[in-house]
Amino acid sequence: MEKFVNNSILEKVNEMVNMIKNSNEYRDYMFLYEKMRKNQKISDLIEKVKILQKEIVRKESLQQSTTDLEKSYQSYLDQLNTIPLYVEFVEKQEKLNDTYQTIKREIDRYFDQLLN
């Protein structure tokens, strides 16, 4: 019985994942992601942002000043935000994240009602 329940749950989860992957929003997101990955300027800026994020976290953990790093970080973000492809990608990403959070909240609420 337990294995059946687990398999049923996994099947439903897979159905949801497939629904998301087949949605226009997800396909648009992946299309933009691939275009962005092929854009050297965007890739370079994103890499610089990631490196700076890690360095900022490291310095903060050591209680060191991060002011200069934060200025550079913001500068790269500002540059990224001038690129329409990047901006559109971020907007799609935020919409998908909202969808995922809604699904998670609904599942959490369902189980909360079921178990309480």
C-alpha atoms as a PDB file:
ATOM      1  CA  MET A   1       0.000   0.000   0.000  1.00  0.00           C
ATOM      2  CA  GLU A   2       2.748   2.461   0.946  1.00  0.00           C
ATOM      3  CA  LYS A   3       4.562   1.954  -2.342  1.00  0.00           C
ATOM      4  CA  PHE A   4       1.317   2.499  -4.239  1.00  0.00           C
ATOM      5  CA  VAL A   5       0.704   5.788  -2.405  1.00  0.00           C
ATOM      6  CA  ASN A   6       4.261   6.941  -3.072  1.00  0.00           C
ATOM      7  CA  ASN A   7       3.954   6.027  -6.740  1.00  0.00           C
ATOM      8  CA  SER A   8       0.616   7.832  -6.984  1.00  0.00           C
ATOM      9  CA  ILE A   9       2.104  10.947  -5.443  1.00  0.00           C
ATOM     10  CA  LEU A  10       5.112  10.798  -7.756  1.00  0.00           C
ATOM     11  CA  GLU A  11       2.847  10.377 -10.763  1.00  0.00           C
ATOM     12  CA  LYS A  12       0.865  13.474  -9.790  1.00  0.00           C
ATOM     13  CA  VAL A  13       4.026  15.454  -9.194  1.00  0.00           C
ATOM     14  CA  ASN A  14       5.327  14.383 -12.599  1.00  0.00           C
ATOM     15  CA  GLU A  15       2.033  15.463 -14.166  1.00  0.00           C
ATOM     16  CA  MET A  16       2.388  18.899 -12.592  1.00  0.00           C
ATOM     17  CA  VAL A  17       5.994  19.193 -13.712  1.00  0.00           C
ATOM     18  CA  ASN A  18       5.035  18.217 -17.248  1.00  0.00           C
ATOM     19  CA  MET A  19       2.183  20.724 -17.245  1.00  0.00           C
ATOM     20  CA  ILE A  20       4.605  23.445 -16.255  1.00  0.00           C
ATOM     21  CA  LYS A  21       7.205  22.377 -18.816  1.00  0.00           C
ATOM     22  CA  ASN A  22       4.568  22.398 -21.542  1.00  0.00           C
ATOM     23  CA  SER A  23       3.237  25.817 -20.618  1.00  0.00           C
ATOM     24  CA  ASN A  24       3.894  28.791 -22.862  1.00  0.00           C
ATOM     25  CA  GLU A  25       5.437  30.665 -19.951  1.00  0.00           C
ATOM     26  CA  TYR A  26       8.019  27.984 -19.316  1.00  0.00           C
ATOM     27  CA  ARG A  27       8.836  27.554 -23.006  1.00  0.00           C
ATOM     28  CA  ASP A  28       9.263  31.320 -23.393  1.00  0.00           C
ATOM     29  CA  TYR A  29      11.481  31.341 -20.326  1.00  0.00           C
ATOM     30  CA  MET A  30      13.687  28.554 -21.688  1.00  0.00           C
ATOM     31  CA  PHE A  31      13.880  30.223 -25.092  1.00  0.00           C
ATOM     32  CA  LEU A  32      15.074  33.441 -23.468  1.00  0.00           C
ATOM     33  CA  TYR A  33      17.455  31.514 -21.237  1.00  0.00           C
ATOM     34  CA  GLU A  34      19.118  29.905 -24.259  1.00  0.00           C
ATOM     35  CA  LYS A  35      19.350  33.224 -26.096  1.00  0.00           C
ATOM     36  CA  MET A  36      20.834  34.836 -23.034  1.00  0.00           C
ATOM     37  CA  ARG A  37      23.372  32.057 -22.553  1.00  0.00           C
ATOM     38  CA  LYS A  38      24.620  32.630 -26.093  1.00  0.00           C
ATOM     39  CA  ASN A  39      25.022  36.341 -25.513  1.00  0.00           C
ATOM     40  CA  GLN A  40      28.618  36.864 -24.399  1.00  0.00           C
ATOM     41  CA  LYS A  41      28.041  40.305 -22.905  1.00  0.00           C
ATOM     42  CA  ILE A  42      25.205  39.066 -20.701  1.00  0.00           C
ATOM     43  CA  SER A  43      27.113  35.928 -19.719  1.00  0.00           C
ATOM     44  CA  ASP A  44      30.167  37.941 -18.740  1.00  0.00           C
ATOM     45  CA  LEU A  45      28.139  40.393 -16.666  1.00  0.00           C
ATOM     46  CA  ILE A  46      26.264  37.594 -14.900  1.00  0.00           C
ATOM     47  CA  GLU A  47      29.533  35.845 -14.117  1.00  0.00           C
ATOM     48  CA  LYS A  48      30.961  39.052 -12.650  1.00  0.00           C
ATOM     49  CA  VAL A  49      27.826  39.516 -10.534  1.00  0.00           C
ATOM     50  CA  LYS A  50      28.082  35.957  -9.195  1.00  0.00           C
ATOM     51  CA  ILE A  51      31.745  36.378  -8.319  1.00  0.00           C
ATOM     52  CA  LEU A  52      31.006  39.628  -6.507  1.00  0.00           C
ATOM     53  CA  GLN A  53      28.070  38.092  -4.639  1.00  0.00           C
ATOM     54  CA  LYS A  54      30.302  35.350  -3.308  1.00  0.00           C
ATOM     55  CA  GLU A  55      32.995  37.815  -2.332  1.00  0.00           C
ATOM     56  CA  ILE A  56      30.484  40.064  -0.578  1.00  0.00           C
ATOM     57  CA  VAL A  57      29.122  37.128   1.420  1.00  0.00           C
ATOM     58  CA  ARG A  58      32.642  36.025   2.297  1.00  0.00           C
ATOM     59  CA  LYS A  59      33.671  39.496   3.464  1.00  0.00           C
ATOM     60  CA  GLU A  60      30.452  39.957   5.420  1.00  0.00           C
ATOM     61  CA  SER A  61      31.079  36.693   7.229  1.00  0.00           C
ATOM     62  CA  LEU A  62      34.483  38.034   8.189  1.00  0.00           C
ATOM     63  CA  GLN A  63      32.874  41.338   9.187  1.00  0.00           C
ATOM     64  CA  GLN A  64      34.910  43.218   6.599  1.00  0.00           C
ATOM     65  CA  SER A  65      33.787  46.219   4.572  1.00  0.00           C
ATOM     66  CA  THR A  66      31.951  45.433   1.351  1.00  0.00           C
ATOM     67  CA  THR A  67      31.221  48.981   0.190  1.00  0.00           C
ATOM     68  CA  ASP A  68      33.483  48.913  -2.875  1.00  0.00           C
ATOM     69  CA  LEU A  69      32.316  45.462  -3.855  1.00  0.00           C
ATOM     70  CA  GLU A  70      28.687  46.498  -3.508  1.00  0.00           C
ATOM     71  CA  LYS A  71      29.273  49.487  -5.792  1.00  0.00           C
ATOM     72  CA  SER A  72      30.802  47.243  -8.455  1.00  0.00           C
ATOM     73  CA  TYR A  73      28.022  44.722  -7.972  1.00  0.00           C
ATOM     74  CA  GLN A  74      25.357  47.391  -8.433  1.00  0.00           C
ATOM     75  CA  SER A  75      27.153  48.751 -11.478  1.00  0.00           C
ATOM     76  CA  TYR A  76      27.064  45.340 -13.184  1.00  0.00           C
ATOM     77  CA  LEU A  77      23.399  44.899 -12.258  1.00  0.00           C
ATOM     78  CA  ASP A  78      22.630  48.311 -13.702  1.00  0.00           C
ATOM     79  CA  GLN A  79      24.364  47.318 -16.924  1.00  0.00           C
ATOM     80  CA  LEU A  80      22.380  44.091 -17.086  1.00  0.00           C
ATOM     81  CA  ASN A  81      19.149  45.979 -16.533  1.00  0.00           C
ATOM     82  CA  THR A  82      19.781  48.024 -19.662  1.00  0.00           C
ATOM     83  CA  ILE A  83      19.703  44.890 -21.829  1.00  0.00           C
ATOM     84  CA  PRO A  84      16.128  44.143 -22.960  1.00  0.00           C
ATOM     85  CA  LEU A  85      16.766  40.406 -23.317  1.00  0.00           C
ATOM     86  CA  TYR A  86      17.954  40.159 -19.715  1.00  0.00           C
ATOM     87  CA  VAL A  87      15.067  42.273 -18.406  1.00  0.00           C
ATOM     88  CA  GLU A  88      12.522  40.126 -20.243  1.00  0.00           C
ATOM     89  CA  PHE A  89      14.177  36.968 -18.919  1.00  0.00           C
ATOM     90  CA  VAL A  90      14.042  38.235 -15.332  1.00  0.00           C
ATOM     91  CA  GLU A  91      10.365  39.136 -15.722  1.00  0.00           C
ATOM     92  CA  LYS A  92       9.569  35.626 -17.018  1.00  0.00           C
ATOM     93  CA  GLN A  93      11.616  34.101 -14.221  1.00  0.00           C
ATOM     94  CA  GLU A  94       9.720  36.090 -11.591  1.00  0.00           C
ATOM     95  CA  LYS A  95       6.367  35.010 -13.054  1.00  0.00           C
ATOM     96  CA  LEU A  96       7.427  31.369 -13.007  1.00  0.00           C
ATOM     97  CA  ASN A  97       8.674  31.687  -9.438  1.00  0.00           C
ATOM     98  CA  ASP A  98       5.308  33.171  -8.461  1.00  0.00           C
ATOM     99  CA  THR A  99       3.602  30.190 -10.071  1.00  0.00           C
ATOM    100  CA  TYR A 100       5.848  27.755  -8.202  1.00  0.00           C
ATOM    101  CA  GLN A 101       5.192  29.530  -4.918  1.00  0.00           C
ATOM    102  CA  THR A 102       1.445  29.431  -5.505  1.00  0.00           C
ATOM    103  CA  ILE A 103       1.605  25.698  -6.179  1.00  0.00           C
ATOM    104  CA  LYS A 104       3.692  25.167  -3.050  1.00  0.00           C
ATOM    105  CA  ARG A 105       1.303  27.209  -0.889  1.00  0.00           C
ATOM    106  CA  GLU A 106      -1.674  25.260  -2.197  1.00  0.00           C
ATOM    107  CA  ILE A 107       0.015  21.927  -1.520  1.00  0.00           C
ATOM    108  CA  ASP A 108       1.050  23.077   1.953  1.00  0.00           C
ATOM    109  CA  ARG A 109      -2.470  24.279   2.693  1.00  0.00           C
ATOM    110  CA  TYR A 110      -3.964  21.017   1.420  1.00  0.00           C
ATOM    111  CA  PHE A 111      -1.745  18.900   3.671  1.00  0.00           C
ATOM    112  CA  ASP A 112      -2.250  21.234   6.594  1.00  0.00           C
ATOM    113  CA  GLN A 113      -6.029  20.843   6.292  1.00  0.00           C
ATOM    114  CA  LEU A 114      -5.697  17.133   5.771  1.00  0.00           C
ATOM    115  CA  LEU A 115      -3.479  16.540   8.788  1.00  0.00           C
ATOM    116  CA  ASN A 116      -4.953  19.054  11.257  1.00  0.00           C
END
